[in-house]
Amino acid sequence: MKIGSMNNSSEVHRLANSIAGLAETITEIINAKVKESNEAKVPVNVVLQAQALHPIAVEGWVGKKSVAEHFKISVRTTDNWMKSGLLPYIKIGKNVRFKLSEAEETINRSFKIRGRW
């Protein structure tokens, strides 16, 4: 998708917020590694090299169909949950994406609050 094709300022704003969130997450990871290094009195580069040997799994974004399959619901129910605010998602152009961990956490919290769990 070309950035020039984003005419809607709200889409640009959401994309900027997503990128800012990603940068914040990366900064938190780096700060945690620096703190871990300082506490262990080990140089930061040694900690980062050790982490390179055991990389952290990074969760990807999935589409509606994957979310529906994960929760064993229909795509239409996924749409309804999105409209009701039950599923957190981002929309870039016509594409809708979810993080399964965030969706799972939100669903669990919501159903427990409403007494359905």
C-alpha atoms as a PDB file:
ATOM      1  CA  MET A   1       0.000   0.000   0.000  1.00  0.00           C
ATOM      2  CA  LYS A   2       1.346   3.410  -0.919  1.00  0.00           C
ATOM      3  CA  ILE A   3       1.425   6.012   1.821  1.00  0.00           C
ATOM      4  CA  GLY A   4       0.300   8.597  -0.738  1.00  0.00           C
ATOM      5  CA  SER A   5      -2.960   6.688  -1.150  1.00  0.00           C
ATOM      6  CA  MET A   6      -3.959   7.367   2.470  1.00  0.00           C
ATOM      7  CA  ASN A   7      -6.341  10.257   1.992  1.00  0.00           C
ATOM      8  CA  ASN A   8      -8.145   9.862   5.269  1.00  0.00           C
ATOM      9  CA  SER A   9      -6.303  11.650   8.077  1.00  0.00           C
ATOM     10  CA  SER A  10      -7.741   9.253  10.672  1.00  0.00           C
ATOM     11  CA  GLU A  11      -6.037   6.338   8.888  1.00  0.00           C
ATOM     12  CA  VAL A  12      -2.765   8.233   8.915  1.00  0.00           C
ATOM     13  CA  HIS A  13      -3.292   9.003  12.604  1.00  0.00           C
ATOM     14  CA  ARG A  14      -3.961   5.328  13.424  1.00  0.00           C
ATOM     15  CA  LEU A  15      -0.891   4.252  11.478  1.00  0.00           C
ATOM     16  CA  ALA A  16       1.228   6.824  13.304  1.00  0.00           C
ATOM     17  CA  ASN A  17      -0.119   5.591  16.641  1.00  0.00           C
ATOM     18  CA  SER A  18       0.656   1.984  15.709  1.00  0.00           C
ATOM     19  CA  ILE A  19       4.211   2.892  14.744  1.00  0.00           C
ATOM     20  CA  ALA A  20       4.636   4.896  17.954  1.00  0.00           C
ATOM     21  CA  GLY A  21       3.407   1.906  19.953  1.00  0.00           C
ATOM     22  CA  LEU A  22       5.898  -0.354  18.203  1.00  0.00           C
ATOM     23  CA  ALA A  23       8.730   2.080  18.913  1.00  0.00           C
ATOM     24  CA  GLU A  24       7.663   2.244  22.567  1.00  0.00           C
ATOM     25  CA  THR A  25       7.683  -1.556  22.828  1.00  0.00           C
ATOM     26  CA  ILE A  26      11.162  -1.762  21.307  1.00  0.00           C
ATOM     27  CA  THR A  27      12.385   0.921  23.710  1.00  0.00           C
ATOM     28  CA  GLU A  28      10.946  -0.995  26.674  1.00  0.00           C
ATOM     29  CA  ILE A  29      12.704  -4.182  25.564  1.00  0.00           C
ATOM     30  CA  ILE A  30      16.025  -2.380  25.179  1.00  0.00           C
ATOM     31  CA  ASN A  31      15.648  -0.659  28.561  1.00  0.00           C
ATOM     32  CA  ALA A  32      14.840  -3.998  30.215  1.00  0.00           C
ATOM     33  CA  LYS A  33      17.973  -5.537  28.690  1.00  0.00           C
ATOM     34  CA  VAL A  34      20.104  -2.604  29.866  1.00  0.00           C
ATOM     35  CA  LYS A  35      18.637  -2.908  33.369  1.00  0.00           C
ATOM     36  CA  GLU A  36      19.214  -6.681  33.322  1.00  0.00           C
ATOM     37  CA  SER A  37      22.805  -6.074  32.257  1.00  0.00           C
ATOM     38  CA  ASN A  38      23.379  -3.489  34.997  1.00  0.00           C
ATOM     39  CA  GLU A  39      21.938  -5.764  37.683  1.00  0.00           C
ATOM     40  CA  ALA A  40      24.083  -8.676  36.527  1.00  0.00           C
ATOM     41  CA  LYS A  41      27.147  -6.419  36.117  1.00  0.00           C
ATOM     42  CA  VAL A  42      27.547  -7.791  32.592  1.00  0.00           C
ATOM     43  CA  PRO A  43      28.184  -5.559  29.551  1.00  0.00           C
ATOM     44  CA  VAL A  44      25.057  -4.863  27.513  1.00  0.00           C
ATOM     45  CA  ASN A  45      26.568  -6.308  24.336  1.00  0.00           C
ATOM     46  CA  VAL A  46      27.068  -9.672  26.089  1.00  0.00           C
ATOM     47  CA  VAL A  47      23.377  -9.753  27.131  1.00  0.00           C
ATOM     48  CA  LEU A  48      22.241  -8.794  23.628  1.00  0.00           C
ATOM     49  CA  GLN A  49      24.512 -11.422  22.051  1.00  0.00           C
ATOM     50  CA  ALA A  50      23.052 -14.060  24.357  1.00  0.00           C
ATOM     51  CA  GLN A  51      19.549 -12.939  23.366  1.00  0.00           C
ATOM     52  CA  ALA A  52      20.499 -13.249  19.691  1.00  0.00           C
ATOM     53  CA  LEU A  53      21.148 -16.937  20.303  1.00  0.00           C
ATOM     54  CA  HIS A  54      17.663 -17.281  21.843  1.00  0.00           C
ATOM     55  CA  PRO A  55      15.470 -14.802  19.970  1.00  0.00           C
ATOM     56  CA  ILE A  56      12.195 -13.639  21.473  1.00  0.00           C
ATOM     57  CA  ALA A  57       9.144 -14.738  19.512  1.00  0.00           C
ATOM     58  CA  VAL A  58       7.406 -11.727  18.000  1.00  0.00           C
ATOM     59  CA  GLU A  59       3.682 -12.038  17.510  1.00  0.00           C
ATOM     60  CA  GLY A  60       2.369 -11.175  14.095  1.00  0.00           C
ATOM     61  CA  TRP A  61      -0.898  -9.663  12.969  1.00  0.00           C
ATOM     62  CA  VAL A  62      -3.700 -11.920  11.700  1.00  0.00           C
ATOM     63  CA  GLY A  63      -6.882 -11.395   9.685  1.00  0.00           C
ATOM     64  CA  LYS A  64     -10.566 -11.948  10.447  1.00  0.00           C
ATOM     65  CA  LYS A  65     -10.558 -15.525   9.249  1.00  0.00           C
ATOM     66  CA  SER A  66      -7.696 -16.490  11.571  1.00  0.00           C
ATOM     67  CA  VAL A  67      -9.422 -14.825  14.534  1.00  0.00           C
ATOM     68  CA  ALA A  68     -12.674 -16.636  13.708  1.00  0.00           C
ATOM     69  CA  GLU A  69     -10.846 -19.961  13.522  1.00  0.00           C
ATOM     70  CA  HIS A  70      -8.973 -19.256  16.776  1.00  0.00           C
ATOM     71  CA  PHE A  71     -12.175 -18.555  18.721  1.00  0.00           C
ATOM     72  CA  LYS A  72     -14.173 -21.159  16.752  1.00  0.00           C
ATOM     73  CA  ILE A  73     -16.721 -18.555  15.631  1.00  0.00           C
ATOM     74  CA  SER A  74     -17.918 -17.319  12.249  1.00  0.00           C
ATOM     75  CA  VAL A  75     -16.416 -14.357  10.424  1.00  0.00           C
ATOM     76  CA  ARG A  76     -19.789 -12.631  10.850  1.00  0.00           C
ATOM     77  CA  THR A  77     -19.543 -13.034  14.636  1.00  0.00           C
ATOM     78  CA  THR A  78     -16.026 -11.581  14.400  1.00  0.00           C
ATOM     79  CA  ASP A  79     -17.521  -8.553  12.607  1.00  0.00           C
ATOM     80  CA  ASN A  80     -20.181  -8.211  15.312  1.00  0.00           C
ATOM     81  CA  TRP A  81     -17.575  -8.395  18.078  1.00  0.00           C
ATOM     82  CA  MET A  82     -15.535  -5.714  16.278  1.00  0.00           C
ATOM     83  CA  LYS A  83     -18.569  -3.411  15.973  1.00  0.00           C
ATOM     84  CA  SER A  84     -19.436  -3.871  19.640  1.00  0.00           C
ATOM     85  CA  GLY A  85     -15.865  -3.045  20.678  1.00  0.00           C
ATOM     86  CA  LEU A  86     -15.191  -6.533  22.005  1.00  0.00           C
ATOM     87  CA  LEU A  87     -12.220  -7.168  19.685  1.00  0.00           C
ATOM     88  CA  PRO A  88      -9.317  -4.700  19.466  1.00  0.00           C
ATOM     89  CA  TYR A  89      -8.119  -4.269  15.877  1.00  0.00           C
ATOM     90  CA  ILE A  90      -6.364  -1.921  13.518  1.00  0.00           C
ATOM     91  CA  LYS A  91      -7.537  -1.016  10.061  1.00  0.00           C
ATOM     92  CA  ILE A  92      -5.137   0.024   7.341  1.00  0.00           C
ATOM     93  CA  GLY A  93      -7.063   0.843   4.207  1.00  0.00           C
ATOM     94  CA  LYS A  94      -9.564  -1.967   3.763  1.00  0.00           C
ATOM     95  CA  ASN A  95      -7.463  -4.486   5.698  1.00  0.00           C
ATOM     96  CA  VAL A  96      -8.346  -5.346   9.294  1.00  0.00           C
ATOM     97  CA  ARG A  97      -5.684  -6.938  11.504  1.00  0.00           C
ATOM     98  CA  PHE A  98      -5.660  -8.352  15.018  1.00  0.00           C
ATOM     99  CA  LYS A  99      -3.092  -9.481  17.568  1.00  0.00           C
ATOM    100  CA  LEU A 100      -4.368 -12.794  18.900  1.00  0.00           C
ATOM    101  CA  SER A 101      -2.899 -12.208  22.364  1.00  0.00           C
ATOM    102  CA  GLU A 102      -4.716  -8.867  22.712  1.00  0.00           C
ATOM    103  CA  ALA A 103      -7.949 -10.328  21.358  1.00  0.00           C
ATOM    104  CA  GLU A 104      -7.708 -13.295  23.742  1.00  0.00           C
ATOM    105  CA  GLU A 105      -7.029 -11.034  26.728  1.00  0.00           C
ATOM    106  CA  THR A 106      -9.922  -8.703  25.863  1.00  0.00           C
ATOM    107  CA  ILE A 107     -12.368 -11.555  25.282  1.00  0.00           C
ATOM    108  CA  ASN A 108     -11.390 -13.290  28.530  1.00  0.00           C
ATOM    109  CA  ARG A 109     -11.669 -10.067  30.537  1.00  0.00           C
ATOM    110  CA  SER A 110     -14.996  -9.131  28.942  1.00  0.00           C
ATOM    111  CA  PHE A 111     -16.667 -12.499  29.407  1.00  0.00           C
ATOM    112  CA  LYS A 112     -15.468 -12.806  33.004  1.00  0.00           C
ATOM    113  CA  ILE A 113     -16.839  -9.338  33.790  1.00  0.00           C
ATOM    114  CA  ARG A 114     -20.198 -10.132  32.236  1.00  0.00           C
ATOM    115  CA  GLY A 115     -20.373 -13.411  34.156  1.00  0.00           C
ATOM    116  CA  ARG A 116     -20.431 -15.655  31.113  1.00  0.00           C
ATOM    117  CA  TRP A 117     -17.214 -17.473  31.906  1.00  0.00           C
END
